[in-house]
C-alpha atoms as a PDB file:
ATOM      1  CA  MET A   1      77.571 241.074  45.125  1.00  0.00           C
ATOM      2  CA  SER A   2      78.576 237.603  46.011  1.00  0.00           C
ATOM      3  CA  ALA A   3      77.809 234.069  45.081  1.00  0.00           C
ATOM      4  CA  HIS A   4      76.079 233.494  48.399  1.00  0.00           C
ATOM      5  CA  CYS A   5      74.176 235.853  50.630  1.00  0.00           C
ATOM      6  CA  GLU A   6      75.531 235.010  53.960  1.00  0.00           C
ATOM      7  CA  ASN A   7      79.240 234.989  52.693  1.00  0.00           C
ATOM      8  CA  GLY A   8      78.421 238.363  51.047  1.00  0.00           C
ATOM      9  CA  VAL A   9      76.844 239.809  54.147  1.00  0.00           C
ATOM     10  CA  THR A  10      79.727 238.768  56.459  1.00  0.00           C
ATOM     11  CA  ALA A  11      82.349 239.883  53.964  1.00  0.00           C
ATOM     12  CA  ASN A  12      80.648 243.353  53.713  1.00  0.00           C
ATOM     13  CA  LEU A  13      80.287 243.752  57.447  1.00  0.00           C
ATOM     14  CA  LEU A  14      83.864 242.846  57.925  1.00  0.00           C
ATOM     15  CA  ARG A  15      84.951 245.183  55.228  1.00  0.00           C
ATOM     16  CA  PHE A  16      82.988 248.093  56.825  1.00  0.00           C
ATOM     17  CA  HIS A  17      85.098 247.448  59.959  1.00  0.00           C
ATOM     18  CA  GLY A  18      88.331 247.345  58.025  1.00  0.00           C
ATOM     19  CA  ILE A  19      88.826 243.593  57.500  1.00  0.00           C
ATOM     20  CA  GLU A  20      89.397 242.565  53.973  1.00  0.00           C
ATOM     21  CA  LEU A  21      88.498 238.953  53.129  1.00  0.00           C
ATOM     22  CA  SER A  22      87.465 237.275  49.869  1.00  0.00           C
ATOM     23  CA  GLU A  23      84.209 235.426  49.718  1.00  0.00           C
ATOM     24  CA  PRO A  24      85.930 231.948  49.356  1.00  0.00           C
ATOM     25  CA  MET A  25      87.999 232.779  52.463  1.00  0.00           C
ATOM     26  CA  ILE A  26      84.895 233.733  54.394  1.00  0.00           C
ATOM     27  CA  PHE A  27      83.176 230.566  53.245  1.00  0.00           C
ATOM     28  CA  GLY A  28      86.197 228.198  54.193  1.00  0.00           C
ATOM     29  CA  ILE A  29      86.950 229.797  57.445  1.00  0.00           C
ATOM     30  CA  GLY A  30      83.134 229.636  58.259  1.00  0.00           C
ATOM     31  CA  SER A  31      82.960 225.910  57.400  1.00  0.00           C
ATOM     32  CA  GLY A  32      80.213 226.667  54.912  1.00  0.00           C
ATOM     33  CA  LEU A  33      80.480 223.451  52.995  1.00  0.00           C
ATOM     34  CA  PHE A  34      78.009 220.879  53.969  1.00  0.00           C
ATOM     35  CA  PHE A  35      75.455 218.370  52.819  1.00  0.00           C
ATOM     36  CA  SER A  36      72.073 217.408  54.303  1.00  0.00           C
ATOM     37  CA  TYR A  37      69.081 215.539  53.034  1.00  0.00           C
ATOM     38  CA  MET A  38      66.222 215.751  55.555  1.00  0.00           C
ATOM     39  CA  PRO A  39      63.026 213.860  54.251  1.00  0.00           C
ATOM     40  CA  PHE A  40      61.441 214.508  57.557  1.00  0.00           C
ATOM     41  CA  ILE A  41      61.482 218.316  57.041  1.00  0.00           C
ATOM     42  CA  LYS A  42      59.427 219.743  54.130  1.00  0.00           C
ATOM     43  CA  MET A  43      59.693 223.006  52.357  1.00  0.00           C
ATOM     44  CA  ASN A  44      56.864 223.731  50.114  1.00  0.00           C
ATOM     45  CA  GLY A  45      55.780 220.105  50.512  1.00  0.00           C
ATOM     46  CA  ILE A  46      59.055 218.782  49.291  1.00  0.00           C
ATOM     47  CA  PRO A  47      61.997 217.281  51.613  1.00  0.00           C
ATOM     48  CA  VAL A  48      64.668 219.764  52.308  1.00  0.00           C
ATOM     49  CA  THR A  49      68.186 219.270  50.735  1.00  0.00           C
ATOM     50  CA  SER A  50      70.896 221.679  51.736  1.00  0.00           C
ATOM     51  CA  PHE A  51      74.459 222.144  50.713  1.00  0.00           C
ATOM     52  CA  ARG A  52      75.294 224.479  53.525  1.00  0.00           C
ATOM     53  CA  PRO A  53      74.828 224.493  57.390  1.00  0.00           C
ATOM     54  CA  LEU A  54      72.068 226.354  59.113  1.00  0.00           C
ATOM     55  CA  PRO A  55      71.735 230.011  58.449  1.00  0.00           C
ATOM     56  CA  GLY A  56      73.903 232.186  60.654  1.00  0.00           C
ATOM     57  CA  ALA A  57      76.573 229.393  61.093  1.00  0.00           C
ATOM     58  CA  ILE A  58      79.007 231.015  58.702  1.00  0.00           C
ATOM     59  CA  PHE A  59      78.896 234.542  60.190  1.00  0.00           C
ATOM     60  CA  LYS A  60      79.079 232.950  63.917  1.00  0.00           C
ATOM     61  CA  ARG A  61      82.075 230.829  63.051  1.00  0.00           C
ATOM     62  CA  VAL A  62      84.068 233.410  60.925  1.00  0.00           C
ATOM     63  CA  THR A  63      83.619 236.105  63.626  1.00  0.00           C
ATOM     64  CA  LYS A  64      84.445 233.700  66.548  1.00  0.00           C
ATOM     65  CA  ARG A  65      87.588 232.266  64.762  1.00  0.00           C
ATOM     66  CA  LEU A  66      88.878 235.785  64.103  1.00  0.00           C
ATOM     67  CA  GLY A  67      88.244 236.949  67.627  1.00  0.00           C
ATOM     68  CA  ILE A  68      85.513 239.519  66.619  1.00  0.00           C
ATOM     69  CA  ASP A  69      82.760 240.790  69.106  1.00  0.00           C
ATOM     70  CA  VAL A  70      79.417 240.476  67.603  1.00  0.00           C
ATOM     71  CA  GLU A  71      75.752 240.640  68.735  1.00  0.00           C
ATOM     72  CA  VAL A  72      72.849 238.402  67.498  1.00  0.00           C
ATOM     73  CA  LYS A  73      69.228 239.093  68.295  1.00  0.00           C
ATOM     74  CA  ARG A  74      65.918 237.499  67.705  1.00  0.00           C
ATOM     75  CA  PHE A  75      62.636 239.146  68.642  1.00  0.00           C
ATOM     76  CA  ARG A  76      59.152 238.133  69.570  1.00  0.00           C
ATOM     77  CA  ASN A  77      57.722 241.755  69.282  1.00  0.00           C
ATOM     78  CA  GLU A  78      57.686 243.137  65.674  1.00  0.00           C
ATOM     79  CA  LYS A  79      57.810 246.729  66.563  1.00  0.00           C
ATOM     80  CA  THR A  80      60.727 246.191  69.091  1.00  0.00           C
ATOM     81  CA  SER A  81      62.793 244.581  66.289  1.00  0.00           C
ATOM     82  CA  MET A  82      62.185 247.553  64.096  1.00  0.00           C
ATOM     83  CA  ASP A  83      63.053 250.028  66.810  1.00  0.00           C
ATOM     84  CA  GLU A  84      66.328 248.103  67.781  1.00  0.00           C
ATOM     85  CA  LEU A  85      67.238 248.320  64.028  1.00  0.00           C
ATOM     86  CA  ASP A  86      66.411 251.995  63.834  1.00  0.00           C
ATOM     87  CA  LYS A  87      68.721 252.725  66.829  1.00  0.00           C
ATOM     88  CA  LEU A  88      71.713 250.990  65.040  1.00  0.00           C
ATOM     89  CA  ILE A  89      71.100 252.814  61.913  1.00  0.00           C
ATOM     90  CA  GLU A  90      71.107 256.182  63.793  1.00  0.00           C
ATOM     91  CA  LYS A  91      74.584 255.193  65.121  1.00  0.00           C
ATOM     92  CA  GLY A  92      75.831 254.229  61.794  1.00  0.00           C
ATOM     93  CA  ILE A  93      76.181 250.629  62.410  1.00  0.00           C
ATOM     94  CA  PRO A  94      75.142 248.247  59.486  1.00  0.00           C
ATOM     95  CA  ALA A  95      72.926 245.401  60.521  1.00  0.00           C
ATOM     96  CA  GLY A  96      72.604 242.081  58.918  1.00  0.00           C
ATOM     97  CA  MET A  97      69.287 240.471  58.954  1.00  0.00           C
ATOM     98  CA  VAL A  98      67.819 236.983  57.958  1.00  0.00           C
ATOM     99  CA  VAL A  99      64.738 237.525  56.037  1.00  0.00           C
ATOM    100  CA  GLY A 100      62.141 235.671  53.685  1.00  0.00           C
ATOM    101  CA  VAL A 101      62.581 236.268  50.016  1.00  0.00           C
ATOM    102  CA  TYR A 102      58.876 236.268  49.036  1.00  0.00           C
ATOM    103  CA  ASP A 103      58.057 239.918  50.307  1.00  0.00           C
ATOM    104  CA  LEU A 104      61.280 241.544  49.036  1.00  0.00           C
ATOM    105  CA  SER A 105      59.640 244.076  46.713  1.00  0.00           C
ATOM    106  CA  TYR A 106      62.824 244.932  44.985  1.00  0.00           C
ATOM    107  CA  PHE A 107      63.257 241.255  43.737  1.00  0.00           C
ATOM    108  CA  PRO A 108      62.061 240.385  40.325  1.00  0.00           C
ATOM    109  CA  PRO A 109      58.801 238.265  40.487  1.00  0.00           C
ATOM    110  CA  ALA A 110      60.342 235.291  39.264  1.00  0.00           C
ATOM    111  CA  TYR A 111      62.791 235.207  42.025  1.00  0.00           C
ATOM    112  CA  ARG A 112      60.252 235.663  44.781  1.00  0.00           C
ATOM    113  CA  PHE A 113      59.288 232.446  46.453  1.00  0.00           C
ATOM    114  CA  ARG A 114      58.924 230.996  49.986  1.00  0.00           C
ATOM    115  CA  PHE A 115      62.508 230.849  51.239  1.00  0.00           C
ATOM    116  CA  ASN A 116      63.296 232.169  54.689  1.00  0.00           C
ATOM    117  CA  ALA A 117      67.067 231.965  54.823  1.00  0.00           C
ATOM    118  CA  HIS A 118      68.124 234.982  52.764  1.00  0.00           C
ATOM    119  CA  ASN A 119      70.633 237.707  54.386  1.00  0.00           C
ATOM    120  CA  ILE A 120      70.746 241.383  53.802  1.00  0.00           C
ATOM    121  CA  ILE A 121      72.076 244.424  55.296  1.00  0.00           C
ATOM    122  CA  ALA A 122      70.300 247.548  56.401  1.00  0.00           C
ATOM    123  CA  VAL A 123      72.627 250.519  55.906  1.00  0.00           C
ATOM    124  CA  GLY A 124      70.407 253.525  56.160  1.00  0.00           C
ATOM    125  CA  LYS A 125      66.835 254.955  56.377  1.00  0.00           C
ATOM    126  CA  ASN A 126      64.838 257.944  55.184  1.00  0.00           C
ATOM    127  CA  ASN A 127      61.341 258.339  56.871  1.00  0.00           C
ATOM    128  CA  ASP A 128      59.730 255.128  56.257  1.00  0.00           C
ATOM    129  CA  THR A 129      62.173 253.704  53.543  1.00  0.00           C
ATOM    130  CA  TYR A 130      65.046 251.605  54.574  1.00  0.00           C
ATOM    131  CA  TYR A 131      68.216 251.299  52.275  1.00  0.00           C
ATOM    132  CA  ILE A 132      69.248 247.631  51.776  1.00  0.00           C
ATOM    133  CA  SER A 133      72.541 246.172  50.685  1.00  0.00           C
ATOM    134  CA  ASP A 134      71.662 242.834  49.337  1.00  0.00           C
ATOM    135  CA  PRO A 135      74.642 240.744  48.236  1.00  0.00           C
ATOM    136  CA  ILE A 136      72.745 239.446  45.093  1.00  0.00           C
ATOM    137  CA  MET A 137      71.749 242.911  43.781  1.00  0.00           C
ATOM    138  CA  GLU A 138      74.096 245.382  41.972  1.00  0.00           C
ATOM    139  CA  LYS A 139      73.121 248.538  43.838  1.00  0.00           C
ATOM    140  CA  ILE A 140      71.570 249.585  47.219  1.00  0.00           C
ATOM    141  CA  GLU A 141      67.875 248.938  47.141  1.00  0.00           C
ATOM    142  CA  PRO A 142      64.946 250.848  48.875  1.00  0.00           C
ATOM    143  CA  LEU A 143      62.436 248.809  50.916  1.00  0.00           C
ATOM    144  CA  LYS A 144      59.468 250.135  52.631  1.00  0.00           C
ATOM    145  CA  TYR A 145      58.918 249.761  56.435  1.00  0.00           C
ATOM    146  CA  GLU A 146      55.899 247.366  56.112  1.00  0.00           C
ATOM    147  CA  ASP A 147      57.743 245.237  53.636  1.00  0.00           C
ATOM    148  CA  LEU A 148      60.939 244.932  55.747  1.00  0.00           C
ATOM    149  CA  LEU A 149      58.842 244.169  58.698  1.00  0.00           C
ATOM    150  CA  LYS A 150      56.881 241.402  56.844  1.00  0.00           C
ATOM    151  CA  THR A 151      59.958 239.751  55.512  1.00  0.00           C
ATOM    152  CA  ARG A 152      61.821 239.862  58.801  1.00  0.00           C
ATOM    153  CA  PHE A 153      58.829 237.785  60.246  1.00  0.00           C
ATOM    154  CA  ALA A 154      58.103 235.765  57.298  1.00  0.00           C
ATOM    155  CA  LYS A 155      55.935 232.508  57.854  1.00  0.00           C
ATOM    156  CA  GLY A 156      56.701 229.096  56.916  1.00  0.00           C
ATOM    157  CA  THR A 157      59.789 226.650  57.277  1.00  0.00           C
ATOM    158  CA  TYR A 158      62.572 228.220  59.259  1.00  0.00           C
ATOM    159  CA  LYS A 159      60.875 231.372  60.405  1.00  0.00           C
ATOM    160  CA  PRO A 160      63.596 234.254  60.694  1.00  0.00           C
ATOM    161  CA  LYS A 161      61.807 235.659  63.823  1.00  0.00           C
ATOM    162  CA  GLY A 162      63.278 239.054  63.196  1.00  0.00           C
ATOM    163  CA  LYS A 163      66.890 237.883  63.531  1.00  0.00           C
ATOM    164  CA  MET A 164      69.497 240.628  63.376  1.00  0.00           C
ATOM    165  CA  TYR A 165      73.191 240.661  63.654  1.00  0.00           C
ATOM    166  CA  TYR A 166      75.957 243.098  63.767  1.00  0.00           C
ATOM    167  CA  ILE A 167      79.621 243.761  64.764  1.00  0.00           C
ATOM    168  CA  ASN A 168      80.479 245.503  68.066  1.00  0.00           C
ATOM    169  CA  ASN A 169      84.167 245.701  67.515  1.00  0.00           C
ATOM    170  CA  VAL A 170      87.234 244.041  65.818  1.00  0.00           C
ATOM    171  CA  PRO A 171      90.576 243.236  67.207  1.00  0.00           C
ATOM    172  CA  GLU A 172      93.663 245.048  66.150  1.00  0.00           C
ATOM    173  CA  SER A 173      95.098 241.771  64.627  1.00  0.00           C
ATOM    174  CA  TYR A 174      93.947 238.092  64.042  1.00  0.00           C
ATOM    175  CA  ASP A 175      95.404 234.864  63.125  1.00  0.00           C
ATOM    176  CA  ILE A 176      94.285 233.882  59.807  1.00  0.00           C
ATOM    177  CA  ASN A 177      96.390 230.780  59.536  1.00  0.00           C
ATOM    178  CA  THR A 178      94.752 229.207  62.645  1.00  0.00           C
ATOM    179  CA  ALA A 179      91.162 230.389  61.491  1.00  0.00           C
ATOM    180  CA  ILE A 180      91.870 228.534  58.231  1.00  0.00           C
ATOM    181  CA  VAL A 181      92.849 225.265  59.933  1.00  0.00           C
ATOM    182  CA  LYS A 182      90.035 225.334  62.319  1.00  0.00           C
ATOM    183  CA  GLY A 183      87.587 225.927  59.325  1.00  0.00           C
ATOM    184  CA  ILE A 184      88.978 222.913  57.416  1.00  0.00           C
ATOM    185  CA  LYS A 185      88.916 220.620  60.326  1.00  0.00           C
ATOM    186  CA  HIS A 186      85.373 221.444  61.106  1.00  0.00           C
ATOM    187  CA  THR A 187      84.326 220.912  57.587  1.00  0.00           C
ATOM    188  CA  CYS A 188      86.093 217.511  57.298  1.00  0.00           C
ATOM    189  CA  LYS A 189      84.366 216.480  60.567  1.00  0.00           C
ATOM    190  CA  ASP A 190      80.929 217.392  59.334  1.00  0.00           C
ATOM    191  CA  MET A 191      81.419 215.530  56.107  1.00  0.00           C
ATOM    192  CA  LEU A 192      83.096 212.427  57.325  1.00  0.00           C
ATOM    193  CA  THR A 193      82.096 211.587  61.018  1.00  0.00           C
ATOM    194  CA  ILE A 194      78.496 212.587  61.659  1.00  0.00           C
ATOM    195  CA  PRO A 195      76.820 209.163  62.413  1.00  0.00           C
ATOM    196  CA  VAL A 196      73.264 210.201  61.394  1.00  0.00           C
ATOM    197  CA  PRO A 197      72.462 208.946  57.816  1.00  0.00           C
ATOM    198  CA  TYR A 198      71.085 212.308  56.714  1.00  0.00           C
ATOM    199  CA  PHE A 199      74.254 214.477  56.912  1.00  0.00           C
ATOM    200  CA  GLY A 200      77.607 214.805  55.210  1.00  0.00           C
ATOM    201  CA  LEU A 201      78.639 211.866  53.086  1.00  0.00           C
ATOM    202  CA  LYS A 202      76.155 209.551  54.608  1.00  0.00           C
ATOM    203  CA  GLY A 203      73.428 211.991  53.576  1.00  0.00           C
ATOM    204  CA  ILE A 204      74.503 211.696  49.914  1.00  0.00           C
ATOM    205  CA  THR A 205      74.142 208.053  50.048  1.00  0.00           C
ATOM    206  CA  THR A 206      70.747 208.185  51.703  1.00  0.00           C
ATOM    207  CA  LEU A 207      69.392 210.689  48.919  1.00  0.00           C
ATOM    208  CA  ALA A 208      70.819 208.294  46.350  1.00  0.00           C
ATOM    209  CA  LYS A 209      68.695 205.439  47.654  1.00  0.00           C
ATOM    210  CA  HIS A 210      65.706 207.603  48.026  1.00  0.00           C
ATOM    211  CA  VAL A 211      66.040 209.064  44.434  1.00  0.00           C
ATOM    212  CA  LYS A 212      65.924 205.488  43.007  1.00  0.00           C
ATOM    213  CA  LYS A 213      62.614 204.680  44.584  1.00  0.00           C
ATOM    214  CA  TRP A 214      60.873 208.196  43.952  1.00  0.00           C
ATOM    215  CA  PRO A 215      59.048 207.309  40.715  1.00  0.00           C
ATOM    216  CA  GLN A 216      57.465 204.169  42.159  1.00  0.00           C
ATOM    217  CA  LYS A 217      56.708 205.513  45.580  1.00  0.00           C
ATOM    218  CA  LEU A 218      55.554 209.077  44.485  1.00  0.00           C
ATOM    219  CA  GLY A 219      54.579 208.830  40.978  1.00  0.00           C
ATOM    220  CA  GLU A 220      56.262 210.487  37.909  1.00  0.00           C
ATOM    221  CA  ARG A 221      55.001 214.071  38.504  1.00  0.00           C
ATOM    222  CA  LYS A 222      55.995 214.268  42.285  1.00  0.00           C
ATOM    223  CA  ALA A 223      59.310 212.504  41.611  1.00  0.00           C
ATOM    224  CA  LYS A 224      60.095 215.122  39.048  1.00  0.00           C
ATOM    225  CA  LEU A 225      59.224 217.946  41.706  1.00  0.00           C
ATOM    226  CA  TYR A 226      61.446 216.245  44.321  1.00  0.00           C
ATOM    227  CA  LEU A 227      64.408 215.888  41.936  1.00  0.00           C
ATOM    228  CA  GLY A 228      63.977 219.372  40.592  1.00  0.00           C
ATOM    229  CA  GLN A 229      64.114 220.714  44.065  1.00  0.00           C
ATOM    230  CA  VAL A 230      67.434 219.162  44.840  1.00  0.00           C
ATOM    231  CA  VAL A 231      68.938 220.666  41.562  1.00  0.00           C
ATOM    232  CA  ARG A 232      67.475 224.178  42.654  1.00  0.00           C
ATOM    233  CA  MET A 233      69.089 223.993  46.042  1.00  0.00           C
ATOM    234  CA  GLN A 234      72.358 222.953  44.226  1.00  0.00           C
ATOM    235  CA  GLU A 235      72.540 225.505  41.604  1.00  0.00           C
ATOM    236  CA  GLU A 236      70.163 228.445  42.402  1.00  0.00           C
ATOM    237  CA  ILE A 237      69.630 228.962  46.109  1.00  0.00           C
ATOM    238  CA  GLY A 238      72.854 231.143  46.608  1.00  0.00           C
ATOM    239  CA  THR A 239      75.341 228.407  45.988  1.00  0.00           C
ATOM    240  CA  GLY A 240      77.604 229.687  43.330  1.00  0.00           C
ATOM    241  CA  GLY A 241      76.794 226.485  41.451  1.00  0.00           C
ATOM    242  CA  ALA A 242      77.704 222.836  42.097  1.00  0.00           C
ATOM    243  CA  GLY A 243      76.567 222.982  45.804  1.00  0.00           C
ATOM    244  CA  PHE A 244      79.355 225.285  46.784  1.00  0.00           C
ATOM    245  CA  ARG A 245      82.011 222.846  45.642  1.00  0.00           C
ATOM    246  CA  PHE A 246      83.684 225.346  43.255  1.00  0.00           C
ATOM    247  CA  LEU A 247      83.732 228.089  45.976  1.00  0.00           C
ATOM    248  CA  TYR A 248      85.244 225.749  48.469  1.00  0.00           C
ATOM    249  CA  ALA A 249      87.937 224.792  45.807  1.00  0.00           C
ATOM    250  CA  ALA A 250      88.654 228.602  45.445  1.00  0.00           C
ATOM    251  CA  PHE A 251      89.130 228.676  49.162  1.00  0.00           C
ATOM    252  CA  LEU A 252      91.534 225.787  49.186  1.00  0.00           C
ATOM    253  CA  GLN A 253      93.725 227.398  46.445  1.00  0.00           C
ATOM    254  CA  GLU A 254      93.743 230.783  48.259  1.00  0.00           C
ATOM    255  CA  ALA A 255      94.604 229.057  51.632  1.00  0.00           C
ATOM    256  CA  SER A 256      97.389 227.138  49.816  1.00  0.00           C
ATOM    257  CA  GLY A 257      99.180 230.418  49.191  1.00  0.00           C
ATOM    258  CA  ILE A 258      98.552 231.565  52.798  1.00  0.00           C
ATOM    259  CA  MET A 259      99.577 228.541  54.423  1.00  0.00           C
ATOM    260  CA  ASN A 260     102.426 227.855  51.809  1.00  0.00           C
ATOM    261  CA  SER A 261     101.060 224.305  51.334  1.00  0.00           C
ATOM    262  CA  PRO A 262     101.067 223.049  47.703  1.00  0.00           C
ATOM    263  CA  GLU A 263      99.097 220.061  48.902  1.00  0.00           C
ATOM    264  CA  LEU A 264      95.966 222.178  49.613  1.00  0.00           C
ATOM    265  CA  ASN A 265      96.095 223.211  45.906  1.00  0.00           C
ATOM    266  CA  ASP A 266      96.112 219.624  44.894  1.00  0.00           C
ATOM    267  CA  ILE A 267      92.890 219.180  46.977  1.00  0.00           C
ATOM    268  CA  SER A 268      91.409 222.200  45.420  1.00  0.00           C
ATOM    269  CA  GLU A 269      91.868 220.538  42.052  1.00  0.00           C
ATOM    270  CA  GLN A 270      90.162 217.516  43.319  1.00  0.00           C
ATOM    271  CA  MET A 271      87.353 219.584  44.785  1.00  0.00           C
ATOM    272  CA  THR A 272      86.779 221.173  41.325  1.00  0.00           C
ATOM    273  CA  GLN A 273      86.432 217.737  39.740  1.00  0.00           C
ATOM    274  CA  VAL A 274      83.792 216.887  42.394  1.00  0.00           C
ATOM    275  CA  GLY A 275      82.057 220.145  41.399  1.00  0.00           C
ATOM    276  CA  ASP A 276      82.113 219.073  37.900  1.00  0.00           C
ATOM    277  CA  LEU A 277      80.190 215.748  38.931  1.00  0.00           C
ATOM    278  CA  TRP A 278      77.657 217.668  40.817  1.00  0.00           C
ATOM    279  CA  ARG A 279      77.109 219.760  37.623  1.00  0.00           C
ATOM    280  CA  GLU A 280      76.832 216.634  35.602  1.00  0.00           C
ATOM    281  CA  PHE A 281      74.036 215.460  37.964  1.00  0.00           C
ATOM    282  CA  GLY A 282      72.263 218.638  37.798  1.00  0.00           C
ATOM    283  CA  VAL A 283      72.228 218.393  33.979  1.00  0.00           C
ATOM    284  CA  ALA A 284      70.961 214.741  34.127  1.00  0.00           C
ATOM    285  CA  ALA A 285      68.264 215.603  36.657  1.00  0.00           C
ATOM    286  CA  GLY A 286      67.189 218.529  34.477  1.00  0.00           C
ATOM    287  CA  ARG A 287      66.703 216.276  31.470  1.00  0.00           C
ATOM    288  CA  ILE A 288      64.484 213.982  33.535  1.00  0.00           C
ATOM    289  CA  PHE A 289      62.501 217.063  34.776  1.00  0.00           C
ATOM    290  CA  LYS A 290      62.030 218.253  31.166  1.00  0.00           C
ATOM    291  CA  ASP A 291      61.508 214.764  29.695  1.00  0.00           C
ATOM    292  CA  ARG A 292      64.544 214.888  27.647  1.00  0.00           C
ATOM    293  CA  HIS A 293      66.357 211.972  29.126  1.00  0.00           C
ATOM    294  CA  SER A 294      67.521 209.137  26.778  1.00  0.00           C
ATOM    295  CA  GLY A 295      67.928 206.168  29.192  1.00  0.00           C
ATOM    296  CA  GLU A 296      65.454 203.600  30.179  1.00  0.00           C
ATOM    297  CA  HIS A 297      65.934 203.944  33.756  1.00  0.00           C
ATOM    298  CA  PRO A 298      66.892 207.668  34.352  1.00  0.00           C
ATOM    299  CA  TYR A 299      66.362 207.659  38.143  1.00  0.00           C
ATOM    300  CA  ASP A 300      68.745 204.691  38.648  1.00  0.00           C
ATOM    301  CA  GLU A 301      71.228 206.465  36.520  1.00  0.00           C
ATOM    302  CA  VAL A 302      71.189 209.632  38.561  1.00  0.00           C
ATOM    303  CA  SER A 303      71.215 207.556  41.866  1.00  0.00           C
ATOM    304  CA  GLN A 304      74.450 205.942  40.647  1.00  0.00           C
ATOM    305  CA  LEU A 305      75.918 209.258  39.728  1.00  0.00           C
ATOM    306  CA  LEU A 306      75.102 210.467  43.283  1.00  0.00           C
ATOM    307  CA  LEU A 307      76.965 207.377  44.777  1.00  0.00           C
ATOM    308  CA  LYS A 308      79.984 208.303  42.480  1.00  0.00           C
ATOM    309  CA  ILE A 309      79.971 211.772  43.732  1.00  0.00           C
ATOM    310  CA  LYS A 310      79.896 210.403  47.358  1.00  0.00           C
ATOM    311  CA  ASN A 311      82.756 208.211  46.702  1.00  0.00           C
ATOM    312  CA  GLU A 312      84.861 210.937  45.061  1.00  0.00           C
ATOM    313  CA  GLU A 313      84.049 213.421  47.802  1.00  0.00           C
ATOM    314  CA  GLU A 314      84.993 210.846  50.412  1.00  0.00           C
ATOM    315  CA  LYS A 315      88.435 210.369  48.945  1.00  0.00           C
ATOM    316  CA  THR A 316      88.942 214.225  48.803  1.00  0.00           C
ATOM    317  CA  PHE A 317      87.947 214.746  52.289  1.00  0.00           C
ATOM    318  CA  ILE A 318      89.993 212.002  53.700  1.00  0.00           C
ATOM    319  CA  ASN A 319      92.965 213.333  51.852  1.00  0.00           C
ATOM    320  CA  LEU A 320      92.129 216.967  53.146  1.00  0.00           C
ATOM    321  CA  ASN A 321      91.737 215.695  56.678  1.00  0.00           C
ATOM    322  CA  LYS A 322      95.127 214.116  56.681  1.00  0.00           C
ATOM    323  CA  ILE A 323      96.768 217.338  55.207  1.00  0.00           C
ATOM    324  CA  VAL A 324      95.110 219.708  57.669  1.00  0.00           C
ATOM    325  CA  LYS A 325      96.476 217.737  60.586  1.00  0.00           C
ATOM    326  CA  LYS A 326      99.953 218.395  59.515  1.00  0.00           C
ATOM    327  CA  LEU A 327      99.414 222.234  59.130  1.00  0.00           C
END
């Protein structure tokens, strides 16, 4: 099990091939911390807010930085996608897949909704039943052929298109220090330098400006739905809470020991404080959603809190960027 599905699948595939890395280390090397607010893309009619890069990026970056040979495939033909999966299973090769959540029959009904960026591993098959290692489930789960096919080709935003990925072979040794440095530099670059106002720290500022206007622009009911979706992506959609900030703090703490850099541990503490602010935002937004807020201008208040978060994150990433250049 893991806090986030792609981290978990990546760690489990590596473990199968003899490489033991913690989930925070996977997340950090894979530059998994990000922020994007894209009002021009809608999911279930609500603008997309994300606290991570596109699905598949973490796996791709981790394996590349560790020198691991992998295969990533997408399919137009549904039967071909299942035949290719069966061939891997027959060879004893576990295969990661990106799927939609809604048709995963082993999920409790309350957790099944239209979200097409979940990651699972197929580890076996018996007749028409596949055995699935899902990093948010406690045990191997059975899934019928028809259900797996349906979820691999789920409709809606970010169609998975049968995406499947697996490891061909791993090197005898790898440079964990270099991988850590590359991962940190990439994250700092994404959060600090992307010029488009929807990504990184600029994206947080844009969200803050929009949140303030939602009640007048959208009406109270729709404004609540928009705000609730931000919190859902922050706290529920596989983030381990606080938009991955606590997970990244754990990575920096572990990296501090590996790199013999007490300064990284100091940044870890700063990142934890940022995570606390994101949790504070989540609580305040939740009170608005449930009509339990006490202020006269609650959307203004959460907007100001987002700007405070942006300012604190900016200080943290500027400091981190200075440190990593010396490693």
